[in-house]
Amino acid sequence: MTLMFPNRSRSYDDARNAVRFLGYDGMFEVPFFIEAAALIKPESPEILVSDYLVAFDAARGTILEVAAKVYARGRRTLYVQDFR
């Protein structure tokens, strides 16, 4: 099966300082994290969680393409993208 992203939900994970989103390979849920610093360069100390989610949404197409390519290279239980 191929990795799919039918669920558009995403959330900010404070412990990881990353945005979490899910992919699905058949019945298997595949968690992905993209580091917050990869979404917004911290220019001000007052960046809100909503700013990270908006940045994720703006780059969603590219993020999902990269996530699918990384997943295709080898299946793991967790994926963290930093795009640096």
PDB file of N, CA and C in Angstrom:
ATOM      1  N   MET A   1       0.835  -1.188   0.000  1.00  0.00           N
ATOM      2  CA  MET A   1       0.000   0.000   0.000  1.00  0.00           C
ATOM      3  C   MET A   1       0.879   1.251   0.000  1.00  0.00           C
ATOM      4  N   THR A   2       0.272   2.338  -0.344  1.00  0.00           N
ATOM      5  CA  THR A   2       0.973   3.611  -0.373  1.00  0.00           C
ATOM      6  C   THR A   2       0.588   4.445   0.842  1.00  0.00           C
ATOM      7  N   LEU A   3       1.460   5.313   1.195  1.00  0.00           N
ATOM      8  CA  LEU A   3       1.190   6.213   2.307  1.00  0.00           C
ATOM      9  C   LEU A   3       0.166   7.251   1.858  1.00  0.00           C
ATOM     10  N   MET A   4      -0.849   7.444   2.679  1.00  0.00           N
ATOM     11  CA  MET A   4      -1.922   8.404   2.384  1.00  0.00           C
ATOM     12  C   MET A   4      -2.044   9.373   3.548  1.00  0.00           C
ATOM     13  N   PHE A   5      -2.575  10.549   3.267  1.00  0.00           N
ATOM     14  CA  PHE A   5      -2.793  11.565   4.289  1.00  0.00           C
ATOM     15  C   PHE A   5      -4.249  12.045   4.222  1.00  0.00           C
ATOM     16  N   PRO A   6      -5.209  11.165   4.544  1.00  0.00           N
ATOM     17  CA  PRO A   6      -6.614  11.552   4.418  1.00  0.00           C
ATOM     18  C   PRO A   6      -7.088  12.480   5.536  1.00  0.00           C
ATOM     19  N   ASN A   7      -6.379  12.496   6.636  1.00  0.00           N
ATOM     20  CA  ASN A   7      -6.766  13.301   7.786  1.00  0.00           C
ATOM     21  C   ASN A   7      -5.946  14.589   7.789  1.00  0.00           C
ATOM     22  N   ARG A   8      -6.607  15.725   7.652  1.00  0.00           N
ATOM     23  CA  ARG A   8      -5.889  17.003   7.575  1.00  0.00           C
ATOM     24  C   ARG A   8      -5.510  17.557   8.945  1.00  0.00           C
ATOM     25  N   SER A   9      -5.844  16.841   9.998  1.00  0.00           N
ATOM     26  CA  SER A   9      -5.541  17.375  11.326  1.00  0.00           C
ATOM     27  C   SER A   9      -4.039  17.384  11.582  1.00  0.00           C
ATOM     28  N   ARG A  10      -3.636  18.320  12.389  1.00  0.00           N
ATOM     29  CA  ARG A  10      -2.250  18.441  12.835  1.00  0.00           C
ATOM     30  C   ARG A  10      -2.314  19.129  14.179  1.00  0.00           C
ATOM     31  N   SER A  11      -1.288  18.945  14.975  1.00  0.00           N
ATOM     32  CA  SER A  11      -1.276  19.559  16.300  1.00  0.00           C
ATOM     33  C   SER A  11       0.155  19.901  16.682  1.00  0.00           C
ATOM     34  N   TYR A  12       0.267  20.820  17.604  1.00  0.00           N
ATOM     35  CA  TYR A  12       1.584  21.214  18.090  1.00  0.00           C
ATOM     36  C   TYR A  12       1.921  20.353  19.299  1.00  0.00           C
ATOM     37  N   ASP A  13       3.107  19.769  19.291  1.00  0.00           N
ATOM     38  CA  ASP A  13       3.580  18.945  20.402  1.00  0.00           C
ATOM     39  C   ASP A  13       4.619  19.763  21.165  1.00  0.00           C
ATOM     40  N   ASP A  14       4.228  20.264  22.317  1.00  0.00           N
ATOM     41  CA  ASP A  14       5.094  21.146  23.097  1.00  0.00           C
ATOM     42  C   ASP A  14       6.357  20.429  23.571  1.00  0.00           C
ATOM     43  N   ALA A  15       6.244  19.178  23.940  1.00  0.00           N
ATOM     44  CA  ALA A  15       7.405  18.418  24.432  1.00  0.00           C
ATOM     45  C   ALA A  15       8.474  18.267  23.355  1.00  0.00           C
ATOM     46  N   ARG A  16       8.062  18.115  22.104  1.00  0.00           N
ATOM     47  CA  ARG A  16       9.007  17.949  21.000  1.00  0.00           C
ATOM     48  C   ARG A  16       9.294  19.259  20.267  1.00  0.00           C
ATOM     49  N   ASN A  17       8.513  20.294  20.588  1.00  0.00           N
ATOM     50  CA  ASN A  17       8.606  21.565  19.874  1.00  0.00           C
ATOM     51  C   ASN A  17       8.479  21.309  18.372  1.00  0.00           C
ATOM     52  N   ALA A  18       7.393  20.619  18.027  1.00  0.00           N
ATOM     53  CA  ALA A  18       7.175  20.189  16.644  1.00  0.00           C
ATOM     54  C   ALA A  18       5.683  20.105  16.355  1.00  0.00           C
ATOM     55  N   VAL A  19       5.365  20.120  15.075  1.00  0.00           N
ATOM     56  CA  VAL A  19       3.993  19.897  14.645  1.00  0.00           C
ATOM     57  C   VAL A  19       3.858  18.419  14.292  1.00  0.00           C
ATOM     58  N   ARG A  20       2.846  17.792  14.831  1.00  0.00           N
ATOM     59  CA  ARG A  20       2.592  16.369  14.619  1.00  0.00           C
ATOM     60  C   ARG A  20       1.481  16.216  13.582  1.00  0.00           C
ATOM     61  N   PHE A  21       1.675  15.280  12.648  1.00  0.00           N
ATOM     62  CA  PHE A  21       0.632  14.943  11.687  1.00  0.00           C
ATOM     63  C   PHE A  21       0.731  13.455  11.398  1.00  0.00           C
ATOM     64  N   LEU A  22      -0.327  12.899  10.833  1.00  0.00           N
ATOM     65  CA  LEU A  22      -0.400  11.452  10.643  1.00  0.00           C
ATOM     66  C   LEU A  22      -0.541  11.075   9.184  1.00  0.00           C
ATOM     67  N   GLY A  23       0.111   9.994   8.842  1.00  0.00           N
ATOM     68  CA  GLY A  23      -0.075   9.346   7.561  1.00  0.00           C
ATOM     69  C   GLY A  23      -0.650   7.971   7.826  1.00  0.00           C
ATOM     70  N   TYR A  24      -1.173   7.334   6.787  1.00  0.00           N
ATOM     71  CA  TYR A  24      -1.749   5.995   6.932  1.00  0.00           C
ATOM     72  C   TYR A  24      -1.264   5.111   5.798  1.00  0.00           C
ATOM     73  N   ASP A  25      -0.798   3.945   6.180  1.00  0.00           N
ATOM     74  CA  ASP A  25      -0.402   2.910   5.229  1.00  0.00           C
ATOM     75  C   ASP A  25      -1.359   1.759   5.470  1.00  0.00           C
ATOM     76  N   GLY A  26      -2.427   1.736   4.673  1.00  0.00           N
ATOM     77  CA  GLY A  26      -3.484   0.758   4.930  1.00  0.00           C
ATOM     78  C   GLY A  26      -4.099   1.052   6.282  1.00  0.00           C
ATOM     79  N   MET A  27      -4.092   0.066   7.153  1.00  0.00           N
ATOM     80  CA  MET A  27      -4.674   0.253   8.482  1.00  0.00           C
ATOM     81  C   MET A  27      -3.661   0.773   9.510  1.00  0.00           C
ATOM     82  N   PHE A  28      -2.415   0.961   9.095  1.00  0.00           N
ATOM     83  CA  PHE A  28      -1.376   1.391  10.016  1.00  0.00           C
ATOM     84  C   PHE A  28      -1.250   2.912  10.045  1.00  0.00           C
ATOM     85  N   GLU A  29      -1.266   3.459  11.254  1.00  0.00           N
ATOM     86  CA  GLU A  29      -1.091   4.883  11.457  1.00  0.00           C
ATOM     87  C   GLU A  29       0.406   5.176  11.568  1.00  0.00           C
ATOM     88  N   VAL A  30       0.867   6.170  10.833  1.00  0.00           N
ATOM     89  CA  VAL A  30       2.289   6.510  10.802  1.00  0.00           C
ATOM     90  C   VAL A  30       2.457   7.950  11.292  1.00  0.00           C
ATOM     91  N   PRO A  31       3.037   8.140  12.488  1.00  0.00           N
ATOM     92  CA  PRO A  31       3.192   9.500  13.012  1.00  0.00           C
ATOM     93  C   PRO A  31       4.417  10.212  12.421  1.00  0.00           C
ATOM     94  N   PHE A  32       4.237  11.481  12.131  1.00  0.00           N
ATOM     95  CA  PHE A  32       5.310  12.338  11.636  1.00  0.00           C
ATOM     96  C   PHE A  32       5.371  13.585  12.512  1.00  0.00           C
ATOM     97  N   PHE A  33       6.574  14.113  12.657  1.00  0.00           N
ATOM     98  CA  PHE A  33       6.786  15.381  13.356  1.00  0.00           C
ATOM     99  C   PHE A  33       7.677  16.253  12.487  1.00  0.00           C
ATOM    100  N   ILE A  34       7.343  17.526  12.411  1.00  0.00           N
ATOM    101  CA  ILE A  34       8.226  18.478  11.749  1.00  0.00           C
ATOM    102  C   ILE A  34       8.596  19.531  12.786  1.00  0.00           C
ATOM    103  N   GLU A  35       9.883  19.723  12.970  1.00  0.00           N
ATOM    104  CA  GLU A  35      10.350  20.646  13.999  1.00  0.00           C
ATOM    105  C   GLU A  35       9.853  22.061  13.737  1.00  0.00           C
ATOM    106  N   ALA A  36       9.470  22.733  14.810  1.00  0.00           N
ATOM    107  CA  ALA A  36       8.923  24.088  14.701  1.00  0.00           C
ATOM    108  C   ALA A  36       9.898  25.041  14.027  1.00  0.00           C
ATOM    109  N   ALA A  37      11.171  24.900  14.315  1.00  0.00           N
ATOM    110  CA  ALA A  37      12.170  25.790  13.719  1.00  0.00           C
ATOM    111  C   ALA A  37      12.266  25.624  12.206  1.00  0.00           C
ATOM    112  N   ALA A  38      11.833  24.489  11.689  1.00  0.00           N
ATOM    113  CA  ALA A  38      11.828  24.281  10.241  1.00  0.00           C
ATOM    114  C   ALA A  38      10.660  25.015   9.586  1.00  0.00           C
ATOM    115  N   LEU A  39       9.651  25.334  10.367  1.00  0.00           N
ATOM    116  CA  LEU A  39       8.475  26.013   9.835  1.00  0.00           C
ATOM    117  C   LEU A  39       8.602  27.528   9.896  1.00  0.00           C
ATOM    118  N   ILE A  40       9.148  28.018  11.008  1.00  0.00           N
ATOM    119  CA  ILE A  40       9.288  29.461  11.213  1.00  0.00           C
ATOM    120  C   ILE A  40      10.639  29.699  11.860  1.00  0.00           C
ATOM    121  N   LYS A  41      11.399  30.582  11.271  1.00  0.00           N
ATOM    122  CA  LYS A  41      12.663  30.971  11.895  1.00  0.00           C
ATOM    123  C   LYS A  41      12.338  31.896  13.066  1.00  0.00           C
ATOM    124  N   PRO A  42      12.756  31.532  14.248  1.00  0.00           N
ATOM    125  CA  PRO A  42      12.385  32.335  15.428  1.00  0.00           C
ATOM    126  C   PRO A  42      13.033  33.723  15.414  1.00  0.00           C
ATOM    127  N   GLU A  43      12.298  34.687  14.894  1.00  0.00           N
ATOM    128  CA  GLU A  43      12.791  36.067  14.840  1.00  0.00           C
ATOM    129  C   GLU A  43      12.323  36.858  16.055  1.00  0.00           C
ATOM    130  N   SER A  44      11.311  36.355  16.697  1.00  0.00           N
ATOM    131  CA  SER A  44      10.763  37.043  17.854  1.00  0.00           C
ATOM    132  C   SER A  44      10.395  35.997  18.907  1.00  0.00           C
ATOM    133  N   PRO A  45      10.521  36.334  20.156  1.00  0.00           N
ATOM    134  CA  PRO A  45      10.194  35.371  21.208  1.00  0.00           C
ATOM    135  C   PRO A  45       8.694  35.170  21.386  1.00  0.00           C
ATOM    136  N   GLU A  46       7.895  35.907  20.637  1.00  0.00           N
ATOM    137  CA  GLU A  46       6.448  35.846  20.814  1.00  0.00           C
ATOM    138  C   GLU A  46       5.735  35.071  19.713  1.00  0.00           C
ATOM    139  N   ILE A  47       6.337  34.016  19.224  1.00  0.00           N
ATOM    140  CA  ILE A  47       5.685  33.182  18.214  1.00  0.00           C
ATOM    141  C   ILE A  47       4.651  32.324  18.929  1.00  0.00           C
ATOM    142  N   LEU A  48       3.455  32.286  18.396  1.00  0.00           N
ATOM    143  CA  LEU A  48       2.364  31.517  18.991  1.00  0.00           C
ATOM    144  C   LEU A  48       2.276  30.141  18.351  1.00  0.00           C
ATOM    145  N   VAL A  49       1.670  29.221  19.057  1.00  0.00           N
ATOM    146  CA  VAL A  49       1.440  27.879  18.513  1.00  0.00           C
ATOM    147  C   VAL A  49       0.671  27.975  17.203  1.00  0.00           C
ATOM    148  N   SER A  50      -0.298  28.858  17.153  1.00  0.00           N
ATOM    149  CA  SER A  50      -1.096  29.006  15.932  1.00  0.00           C
ATOM    150  C   SER A  50      -0.230  29.438  14.742  1.00  0.00           C
ATOM    151  N   ASP A  51       0.853  30.165  14.999  1.00  0.00           N
ATOM    152  CA  ASP A  51       1.759  30.569  13.922  1.00  0.00           C
ATOM    153  C   ASP A  51       2.417  29.344  13.283  1.00  0.00           C
ATOM    154  N   TYR A  52       2.805  28.378  14.100  1.00  0.00           N
ATOM    155  CA  TYR A  52       3.409  27.146  13.576  1.00  0.00           C
ATOM    156  C   TYR A  52       2.392  26.355  12.750  1.00  0.00           C
ATOM    157  N   LEU A  53       1.155  26.300  13.228  1.00  0.00           N
ATOM    158  CA  LEU A  53       0.128  25.547  12.504  1.00  0.00           C
ATOM    159  C   LEU A  53      -0.213  26.217  11.170  1.00  0.00           C
ATOM    160  N   VAL A  54      -0.255  27.537  11.159  1.00  0.00           N
ATOM    161  CA  VAL A  54      -0.507  28.277   9.908  1.00  0.00           C
ATOM    162  C   VAL A  54       0.640  28.034   8.929  1.00  0.00           C
ATOM    163  N   ALA A  55       1.867  28.056   9.428  1.00  0.00           N
ATOM    164  CA  ALA A  55       3.028  27.812   8.561  1.00  0.00           C
ATOM    165  C   ALA A  55       3.001  26.383   8.018  1.00  0.00           C
ATOM    166  N   PHE A  56       2.603  25.434   8.851  1.00  0.00           N
ATOM    167  CA  PHE A  56       2.471  24.048   8.394  1.00  0.00           C
ATOM    168  C   PHE A  56       1.436  23.970   7.271  1.00  0.00           C
ATOM    169  N   ASP A  57       0.284  24.580   7.489  1.00  0.00           N
ATOM    170  CA  ASP A  57      -0.783  24.547   6.482  1.00  0.00           C
ATOM    171  C   ASP A  57      -0.331  25.167   5.165  1.00  0.00           C
ATOM    172  N   ALA A  58       0.439  26.237   5.241  1.00  0.00           N
ATOM    173  CA  ALA A  58       0.911  26.916   4.028  1.00  0.00           C
ATOM    174  C   ALA A  58       1.871  26.026   3.231  1.00  0.00           C
ATOM    175  N   ALA A  59       2.616  25.193   3.921  1.00  0.00           N
ATOM    176  CA  ALA A  59       3.600  24.334   3.251  1.00  0.00           C
ATOM    177  C   ALA A  59       3.162  22.871   3.209  1.00  0.00           C
ATOM    178  N   ARG A  60       1.903  22.607   3.499  1.00  0.00           N
ATOM    179  CA  ARG A  60       1.393  21.236   3.619  1.00  0.00           C
ATOM    180  C   ARG A  60       1.745  20.355   2.414  1.00  0.00           C
ATOM    181  N   GLY A  61       1.541  20.829   1.220  1.00  0.00           N
ATOM    182  CA  GLY A  61       1.810  20.016   0.025  1.00  0.00           C
ATOM    183  C   GLY A  61       3.249  19.525  -0.026  1.00  0.00           C
ATOM    184  N   THR A  62       4.168  20.431   0.175  1.00  0.00           N
ATOM    185  CA  THR A  62       5.596  20.072   0.162  1.00  0.00           C
ATOM    186  C   THR A  62       5.936  19.144   1.317  1.00  0.00           C
ATOM    187  N   ILE A  63       5.417  19.445   2.494  1.00  0.00           N
ATOM    188  CA  ILE A  63       5.691  18.613   3.669  1.00  0.00           C
ATOM    189  C   ILE A  63       5.208  17.187   3.452  1.00  0.00           C
ATOM    190  N   LEU A  64       4.011  17.028   2.918  1.00  0.00           N
ATOM    191  CA  LEU A  64       3.470  15.684   2.692  1.00  0.00           C
ATOM    192  C   LEU A  64       4.246  14.945   1.601  1.00  0.00           C
ATOM    193  N   GLU A  65       4.680  15.651   0.576  1.00  0.00           N
ATOM    194  CA  GLU A  65       5.500  15.024  -0.474  1.00  0.00           C
ATOM    195  C   GLU A  65       6.804  14.489   0.105  1.00  0.00           C
ATOM    196  N   VAL A  66       7.464  15.300   0.909  1.00  0.00           N
ATOM    197  CA  VAL A  66       8.721  14.882   1.526  1.00  0.00           C
ATOM    198  C   VAL A  66       8.475  13.724   2.489  1.00  0.00           C
ATOM    199  N   ALA A  67       7.415  13.801   3.267  1.00  0.00           N
ATOM    200  CA  ALA A  67       7.096  12.731   4.215  1.00  0.00           C
ATOM    201  C   ALA A  67       6.882  11.404   3.472  1.00  0.00           C
ATOM    202  N   ALA A  68       6.170  11.440   2.358  1.00  0.00           N
ATOM    203  CA  ALA A  68       5.928  10.222   1.580  1.00  0.00           C
ATOM    204  C   ALA A  68       7.230   9.656   1.014  1.00  0.00           C
ATOM    205  N   LYS A  69       8.121  10.529   0.558  1.00  0.00           N
ATOM    206  CA  LYS A  69       9.416  10.076   0.024  1.00  0.00           C
ATOM    207  C   LYS A  69      10.275   9.451   1.117  1.00  0.00           C
ATOM    208  N   VAL A  70      10.297  10.084   2.277  1.00  0.00           N
ATOM    209  CA  VAL A  70      11.075   9.553   3.398  1.00  0.00           C
ATOM    210  C   VAL A  70      10.514   8.196   3.822  1.00  0.00           C
ATOM    211  N   TYR A  71       9.208   8.088   3.887  1.00  0.00           N
ATOM    212  CA  TYR A  71       8.560   6.832   4.270  1.00  0.00           C
ATOM    213  C   TYR A  71       8.877   5.725   3.268  1.00  0.00           C
ATOM    214  N   ALA A  72       8.902   6.063   1.995  1.00  0.00           N
ATOM    215  CA  ALA A  72       9.169   5.075   0.946  1.00  0.00           C
ATOM    216  C   ALA A  72      10.585   4.509   1.024  1.00  0.00           C
ATOM    217  N   ARG A  73      11.515   5.276   1.588  1.00  0.00           N
ATOM    218  CA  ARG A  73      12.912   4.823   1.707  1.00  0.00           C
ATOM    219  C   ARG A  73      13.083   3.721   2.750  1.00  0.00           C
ATOM    220  N   GLY A  74      12.197   3.657   3.694  1.00  0.00           N
ATOM    221  CA  GLY A  74      12.299   2.647   4.740  1.00  0.00           C
ATOM    222  C   GLY A  74      11.306   2.942   5.841  1.00  0.00           C
ATOM    223  N   ARG A  75      10.553   1.951   6.187  1.00  0.00           N
ATOM    224  CA  ARG A  75       9.504   2.158   7.177  1.00  0.00           C
ATOM    225  C   ARG A  75      10.068   2.140   8.581  1.00  0.00           C
ATOM    226  N   ARG A  76       9.659   3.151   9.349  1.00  0.00           N
ATOM    227  CA  ARG A  76      10.044   3.275  10.751  1.00  0.00           C
ATOM    228  C   ARG A  76       8.784   3.522  11.570  1.00  0.00           C
ATOM    229  N   THR A  77       8.933   3.560  12.872  1.00  0.00           N
ATOM    230  CA  THR A  77       7.769   3.804  13.720  1.00  0.00           C
ATOM    231  C   THR A  77       7.533   5.284  13.973  1.00  0.00           C
ATOM    232  N   LEU A  78       8.533   6.114  13.697  1.00  0.00           N
ATOM    233  CA  LEU A  78       8.422   7.537  13.932  1.00  0.00           C
ATOM    234  C   LEU A  78       9.305   8.287  12.942  1.00  0.00           C
ATOM    235  N   TYR A  79       8.806   9.410  12.453  1.00  0.00           N
ATOM    236  CA  TYR A  79       9.550  10.231  11.506  1.00  0.00           C
ATOM    237  C   TYR A  79       9.588  11.656  12.015  1.00  0.00           C
ATOM    238  N   VAL A  80      10.780  12.233  12.024  1.00  0.00           N
ATOM    239  CA  VAL A  80      10.946  13.625  12.417  1.00  0.00           C
ATOM    240  C   VAL A  80      11.623  14.346  11.266  1.00  0.00           C
ATOM    241  N   GLN A  81      11.005  15.398  10.761  1.00  0.00           N
ATOM    242  CA  GLN A  81      11.549  16.173   9.654  1.00  0.00           C
ATOM    243  C   GLN A  81      12.059  17.495  10.190  1.00  0.00           C
ATOM    244  N   ASP A  82      13.265  17.855   9.787  1.00  0.00           N
ATOM    245  CA  ASP A  82      13.759  19.150  10.213  1.00  0.00           C
ATOM    246  C   ASP A  82      14.042  20.077   9.034  1.00  0.00           C
ATOM    247  N   PHE A  83      14.121  19.578   7.821  1.00  0.00           N
ATOM    248  CA  PHE A  83      14.286  20.373   6.594  1.00  0.00           C
ATOM    249  C   PHE A  83      15.461  21.334   6.631  1.00  0.00           C
ATOM    250  N   ARG A  84      16.458  21.102   7.471  1.00  0.00           N
ATOM    251  CA  ARG A  84      17.609  21.999   7.506  1.00  0.00           C
ATOM    252  C   ARG A  84      18.640  21.579   6.519  1.00  0.00           C
TER     253      ARG A  84
END
